N, C-alpha and C. Protein backbone atom coordinates (compact mmCIF):
# COMPACT_ATOMS: atom_id res chain seq x y z
N MET A 1 21.15 4.99 7.87
CA MET A 1 19.80 5.34 8.21
C MET A 1 19.52 4.87 9.63
N PRO A 2 19.14 5.79 10.52
CA PRO A 2 18.79 5.35 11.87
C PRO A 2 17.44 4.64 11.82
N TRP A 3 17.43 3.46 12.35
CA TRP A 3 16.22 2.65 12.30
C TRP A 3 15.52 2.65 13.64
N LYS A 4 14.23 2.48 13.58
CA LYS A 4 13.47 2.21 14.79
C LYS A 4 12.56 1.03 14.48
N GLN A 5 12.23 0.31 15.50
CA GLN A 5 11.41 -0.87 15.31
C GLN A 5 9.99 -0.46 14.98
N VAL A 6 9.42 -1.12 13.98
CA VAL A 6 8.03 -0.90 13.60
C VAL A 6 7.39 -2.27 13.36
N THR A 7 6.10 -2.31 13.46
CA THR A 7 5.38 -3.51 13.07
C THR A 7 4.97 -3.31 11.62
N ILE A 8 5.44 -4.17 10.76
CA ILE A 8 5.12 -4.05 9.34
C ILE A 8 3.66 -4.43 9.14
N GLU A 9 2.91 -3.50 8.62
CA GLU A 9 1.48 -3.71 8.37
C GLU A 9 1.29 -4.03 6.89
N ARG A 10 1.45 -5.26 6.56
CA ARG A 10 1.26 -5.74 5.19
C ARG A 10 0.41 -6.99 5.26
N PRO A 11 -0.35 -7.25 4.20
CA PRO A 11 -1.11 -8.51 4.19
C PRO A 11 -0.15 -9.69 4.12
N TYR A 12 -0.59 -10.81 4.61
CA TYR A 12 0.24 -12.02 4.57
C TYR A 12 0.00 -12.72 3.24
N THR A 13 0.74 -12.23 2.24
CA THR A 13 0.60 -12.76 0.88
C THR A 13 1.97 -13.04 0.29
N GLU A 14 1.97 -13.80 -0.78
CA GLU A 14 3.22 -14.11 -1.47
C GLU A 14 3.85 -12.83 -2.03
N ASP A 15 3.01 -11.93 -2.56
CA ASP A 15 3.53 -10.68 -3.11
C ASP A 15 4.19 -9.82 -2.03
N ALA A 16 3.56 -9.76 -0.86
CA ALA A 16 4.13 -8.98 0.24
C ALA A 16 5.47 -9.57 0.68
N LEU A 17 5.54 -10.89 0.76
CA LEU A 17 6.81 -11.54 1.12
C LEU A 17 7.88 -11.19 0.10
N TYR A 18 7.54 -11.29 -1.16
CA TYR A 18 8.50 -10.96 -2.23
C TYR A 18 9.00 -9.53 -2.08
N GLU A 19 8.10 -8.58 -1.87
CA GLU A 19 8.50 -7.17 -1.74
C GLU A 19 9.36 -6.95 -0.50
N LEU A 20 9.04 -7.61 0.60
CA LEU A 20 9.84 -7.45 1.81
C LEU A 20 11.23 -8.07 1.65
N LEU A 21 11.31 -9.18 0.93
CA LEU A 21 12.63 -9.77 0.67
C LEU A 21 13.46 -8.84 -0.22
N ARG A 22 12.81 -8.21 -1.18
CA ARG A 22 13.53 -7.23 -2.03
C ARG A 22 14.03 -6.05 -1.19
N GLU A 23 13.22 -5.61 -0.24
CA GLU A 23 13.64 -4.53 0.67
C GLU A 23 14.84 -4.98 1.49
N GLY A 24 14.75 -6.17 2.07
CA GLY A 24 15.84 -6.69 2.89
C GLY A 24 17.14 -6.81 2.12
N ALA A 25 17.04 -7.14 0.83
CA ALA A 25 18.24 -7.29 0.00
C ALA A 25 18.95 -5.96 -0.23
N LYS A 26 18.29 -4.87 0.11
CA LYS A 26 18.92 -3.54 -0.01
C LYS A 26 19.88 -3.26 1.14
N GLY A 27 19.91 -4.15 2.12
CA GLY A 27 20.81 -3.96 3.26
C GLY A 27 20.42 -2.74 4.07
N SER A 28 21.38 -1.89 4.37
CA SER A 28 21.12 -0.72 5.21
C SER A 28 20.24 0.32 4.53
N ALA A 29 20.00 0.19 3.24
CA ALA A 29 19.12 1.12 2.52
C ALA A 29 17.65 0.70 2.58
N SER A 30 17.38 -0.41 3.24
CA SER A 30 16.01 -0.92 3.36
C SER A 30 15.15 0.04 4.18
N ARG A 31 13.88 0.12 3.83
CA ARG A 31 12.94 0.94 4.61
C ARG A 31 12.61 0.30 5.95
N TYR A 32 12.85 -0.99 6.06
CA TYR A 32 12.53 -1.73 7.28
C TYR A 32 13.79 -2.37 7.85
N THR A 33 13.80 -2.56 9.15
CA THR A 33 14.92 -3.28 9.75
C THR A 33 14.80 -4.75 9.36
N HIS A 34 15.92 -5.43 9.37
CA HIS A 34 15.87 -6.87 9.07
C HIS A 34 15.10 -7.60 10.17
N PHE A 35 15.21 -7.11 11.40
CA PHE A 35 14.44 -7.71 12.49
C PHE A 35 12.95 -7.61 12.20
N ASP A 36 12.49 -6.44 11.76
CA ASP A 36 11.06 -6.27 11.48
C ASP A 36 10.61 -7.16 10.33
N ILE A 37 11.46 -7.33 9.33
CA ILE A 37 11.12 -8.21 8.20
C ILE A 37 11.01 -9.66 8.68
N VAL A 38 11.94 -10.08 9.51
CA VAL A 38 11.91 -11.45 10.04
C VAL A 38 10.69 -11.64 10.95
N GLU A 39 10.36 -10.64 11.74
CA GLU A 39 9.17 -10.73 12.60
C GLU A 39 7.91 -10.88 11.75
N TRP A 40 7.80 -10.09 10.69
CA TRP A 40 6.65 -10.20 9.78
C TRP A 40 6.61 -11.61 9.19
N ALA A 41 7.76 -12.11 8.76
CA ALA A 41 7.84 -13.45 8.17
C ALA A 41 7.37 -14.51 9.17
N GLY A 42 7.70 -14.33 10.43
CA GLY A 42 7.26 -15.26 11.46
C GLY A 42 5.74 -15.28 11.59
N ARG A 43 5.14 -14.09 11.53
CA ARG A 43 3.67 -14.03 11.60
C ARG A 43 3.04 -14.66 10.36
N TYR A 44 3.66 -14.44 9.20
CA TYR A 44 3.15 -15.05 7.97
C TYR A 44 3.27 -16.58 8.05
N ALA A 45 4.37 -17.07 8.56
CA ALA A 45 4.55 -18.52 8.73
C ALA A 45 3.46 -19.09 9.62
N GLN A 46 3.12 -18.37 10.68
CA GLN A 46 2.05 -18.83 11.57
C GLN A 46 0.71 -18.89 10.85
N GLU A 47 0.45 -17.88 10.02
CA GLU A 47 -0.80 -17.87 9.25
C GLU A 47 -0.86 -19.07 8.30
N ILE A 48 0.25 -19.33 7.63
CA ILE A 48 0.28 -20.48 6.71
C ILE A 48 0.10 -21.78 7.49
N SER A 49 0.72 -21.87 8.67
CA SER A 49 0.64 -23.10 9.48
C SER A 49 -0.78 -23.40 9.94
N LYS A 50 -1.62 -22.40 10.01
CA LYS A 50 -3.02 -22.62 10.42
C LYS A 50 -3.78 -23.43 9.38
N LEU A 51 -3.28 -23.42 8.15
CA LEU A 51 -3.91 -24.18 7.06
C LEU A 51 -3.31 -25.57 7.07
N HIS A 52 -3.93 -26.45 7.84
CA HIS A 52 -3.34 -27.77 8.00
C HIS A 52 -4.12 -28.80 7.21
N PRO A 53 -3.53 -29.53 6.34
CA PRO A 53 -2.12 -29.48 5.96
C PRO A 53 -1.83 -28.23 5.12
N ILE A 54 -0.58 -27.83 5.13
CA ILE A 54 -0.18 -26.66 4.36
C ILE A 54 -0.40 -26.94 2.88
N PRO A 55 -1.14 -26.07 2.20
CA PRO A 55 -1.37 -26.28 0.76
C PRO A 55 -0.05 -26.31 -0.01
N GLU A 56 -0.01 -27.15 -1.00
CA GLU A 56 1.22 -27.33 -1.78
C GLU A 56 1.72 -26.01 -2.38
N ASN A 57 0.79 -25.15 -2.83
CA ASN A 57 1.21 -23.89 -3.44
C ASN A 57 1.79 -22.89 -2.44
N LEU A 58 1.58 -23.12 -1.15
CA LEU A 58 2.13 -22.22 -0.12
C LEU A 58 3.33 -22.81 0.60
N PHE A 59 3.63 -24.07 0.34
CA PHE A 59 4.68 -24.74 1.11
C PHE A 59 6.03 -24.05 0.98
N ARG A 60 6.42 -23.65 -0.21
CA ARG A 60 7.74 -23.01 -0.37
C ARG A 60 7.80 -21.68 0.37
N TYR A 61 6.67 -20.96 0.46
CA TYR A 61 6.64 -19.70 1.20
C TYR A 61 6.79 -19.96 2.69
N TRP A 62 6.14 -21.02 3.15
CA TRP A 62 6.28 -21.39 4.55
C TRP A 62 7.73 -21.78 4.84
N GLN A 63 8.35 -22.55 3.94
CA GLN A 63 9.75 -22.94 4.14
C GLN A 63 10.66 -21.72 4.22
N VAL A 64 10.46 -20.76 3.34
CA VAL A 64 11.30 -19.56 3.34
C VAL A 64 11.09 -18.77 4.63
N THR A 65 9.85 -18.56 5.03
CA THR A 65 9.61 -17.78 6.25
C THR A 65 10.16 -18.49 7.48
N ASP A 66 10.07 -19.80 7.50
CA ASP A 66 10.66 -20.56 8.61
C ASP A 66 12.18 -20.43 8.59
N ASP A 67 12.78 -20.55 7.42
CA ASP A 67 14.23 -20.42 7.30
C ASP A 67 14.70 -19.03 7.72
N MET A 68 13.91 -18.02 7.42
CA MET A 68 14.28 -16.65 7.82
C MET A 68 14.42 -16.55 9.33
N GLN A 69 13.50 -17.14 10.05
CA GLN A 69 13.56 -17.08 11.51
C GLN A 69 14.76 -17.86 12.05
N VAL A 70 14.99 -19.03 11.48
CA VAL A 70 16.11 -19.86 11.94
C VAL A 70 17.44 -19.16 11.65
N ARG A 71 17.60 -18.65 10.45
CA ARG A 71 18.86 -17.99 10.10
C ARG A 71 19.10 -16.74 10.94
N TRP A 72 18.03 -16.03 11.28
CA TRP A 72 18.16 -14.85 12.14
C TRP A 72 18.78 -15.26 13.47
N GLU A 73 18.20 -16.28 14.08
CA GLU A 73 18.71 -16.75 15.38
C GLU A 73 20.14 -17.26 15.27
N LEU A 74 20.43 -18.03 14.25
CA LEU A 74 21.79 -18.56 14.07
C LEU A 74 22.79 -17.44 13.80
N HIS A 75 22.38 -16.46 13.03
CA HIS A 75 23.28 -15.34 12.72
C HIS A 75 23.65 -14.59 14.00
N ILE A 76 22.66 -14.31 14.82
CA ILE A 76 22.93 -13.61 16.08
C ILE A 76 23.82 -14.45 16.97
N ALA A 77 23.47 -15.73 17.12
CA ALA A 77 24.23 -16.61 18.01
C ALA A 77 25.68 -16.79 17.57
N SER A 78 25.92 -16.78 16.27
CA SER A 78 27.28 -17.04 15.78
C SER A 78 28.11 -15.77 15.54
N HIS A 79 27.48 -14.61 15.58
CA HIS A 79 28.22 -13.38 15.28
C HIS A 79 28.30 -12.38 16.43
N TYR A 80 27.47 -12.55 17.45
CA TYR A 80 27.41 -11.55 18.51
C TYR A 80 27.47 -12.22 19.88
N SER A 81 28.20 -11.59 20.77
CA SER A 81 28.26 -12.07 22.15
C SER A 81 27.12 -11.42 22.94
N ILE A 82 26.92 -11.90 24.14
CA ILE A 82 25.92 -11.29 25.01
C ILE A 82 26.29 -9.84 25.28
N ASN A 83 27.57 -9.57 25.46
CA ASN A 83 28.00 -8.19 25.68
C ASN A 83 27.73 -7.32 24.46
N ASP A 84 27.94 -7.87 23.26
CA ASP A 84 27.60 -7.12 22.04
C ASP A 84 26.13 -6.74 22.05
N MET A 85 25.30 -7.69 22.39
CA MET A 85 23.86 -7.46 22.35
C MET A 85 23.40 -6.45 23.39
N LYS A 86 24.20 -6.25 24.42
CA LYS A 86 23.87 -5.23 25.42
C LYS A 86 24.20 -3.83 24.91
N ARG A 87 25.12 -3.75 23.94
CA ARG A 87 25.56 -2.44 23.44
C ARG A 87 24.68 -1.88 22.33
N PHE A 88 23.93 -2.73 21.68
CA PHE A 88 23.07 -2.23 20.61
C PHE A 88 21.79 -3.05 20.56
N SER A 89 20.89 -2.61 19.74
CA SER A 89 19.57 -3.24 19.65
C SER A 89 19.51 -4.22 18.48
N HIS A 90 18.59 -5.14 18.56
CA HIS A 90 18.38 -6.09 17.46
C HIS A 90 17.97 -5.39 16.17
N VAL A 91 17.43 -4.18 16.28
CA VAL A 91 17.06 -3.46 15.05
C VAL A 91 18.29 -2.95 14.30
N ASP A 92 19.45 -2.99 14.94
CA ASP A 92 20.69 -2.56 14.29
C ASP A 92 21.37 -3.68 13.51
N ILE A 93 20.89 -4.90 13.68
CA ILE A 93 21.55 -6.05 13.06
C ILE A 93 21.10 -6.21 11.61
N LEU A 94 22.07 -6.40 10.75
CA LEU A 94 21.80 -6.67 9.34
C LEU A 94 22.18 -8.11 9.02
N LEU A 95 21.29 -8.80 8.37
CA LEU A 95 21.63 -10.12 7.83
C LEU A 95 22.39 -9.92 6.53
N PRO A 96 23.18 -10.89 6.14
CA PRO A 96 23.86 -10.78 4.84
C PRO A 96 22.84 -10.66 3.71
N ARG A 97 23.14 -9.80 2.76
CA ARG A 97 22.24 -9.62 1.61
C ARG A 97 22.03 -10.93 0.85
N GLN A 98 23.06 -11.78 0.87
CA GLN A 98 22.95 -13.06 0.17
C GLN A 98 21.78 -13.89 0.68
N PHE A 99 21.48 -13.78 1.98
CA PHE A 99 20.34 -14.52 2.52
C PHE A 99 19.06 -14.12 1.79
N PHE A 100 18.86 -12.81 1.67
CA PHE A 100 17.65 -12.32 1.02
C PHE A 100 17.62 -12.71 -0.46
N GLN A 101 18.77 -12.66 -1.09
CA GLN A 101 18.85 -13.06 -2.50
C GLN A 101 18.52 -14.54 -2.67
N GLN A 102 19.00 -15.38 -1.75
CA GLN A 102 18.69 -16.81 -1.80
C GLN A 102 17.19 -17.05 -1.59
N TRP A 103 16.61 -16.36 -0.64
CA TRP A 103 15.18 -16.54 -0.38
C TRP A 103 14.35 -16.08 -1.58
N LEU A 104 14.78 -14.99 -2.20
CA LEU A 104 14.08 -14.52 -3.40
C LEU A 104 14.11 -15.58 -4.50
N LYS A 105 15.26 -16.21 -4.68
CA LYS A 105 15.37 -17.25 -5.71
C LYS A 105 14.43 -18.43 -5.42
N LEU A 106 14.25 -18.73 -4.15
CA LEU A 106 13.39 -19.86 -3.78
C LEU A 106 11.91 -19.60 -4.04
N ILE A 107 11.52 -18.33 -4.08
CA ILE A 107 10.10 -18.04 -4.29
C ILE A 107 9.82 -17.35 -5.62
N GLU A 108 10.82 -17.27 -6.48
CA GLU A 108 10.60 -16.59 -7.76
C GLU A 108 9.41 -17.19 -8.47
N TYR A 109 8.68 -16.32 -9.08
CA TYR A 109 7.45 -16.71 -9.79
C TYR A 109 7.77 -17.42 -11.07
């Protein structure tokens, strides 16, 4: 599926995070790029961070969204060279499905 970057317009809720993680776990069959999912997660993490201190019921969601951003950066840094990144776009990068499956387990209801 040829992807293009979009801004995911979803509310910043636990249900939306769950659905986006399920999408990401589909790999290349996802409706959204993994980059777009991680970007959405970053915005959600910022929203949660505004609630200081972070409420206990939201803490695990904040941890997952933070981990998503960190793993994205580490994945790129450890798998792609600067020359690789010049040849394609960040929207072409897929994270391992296992990452999404692990995150889903961490937030299961």
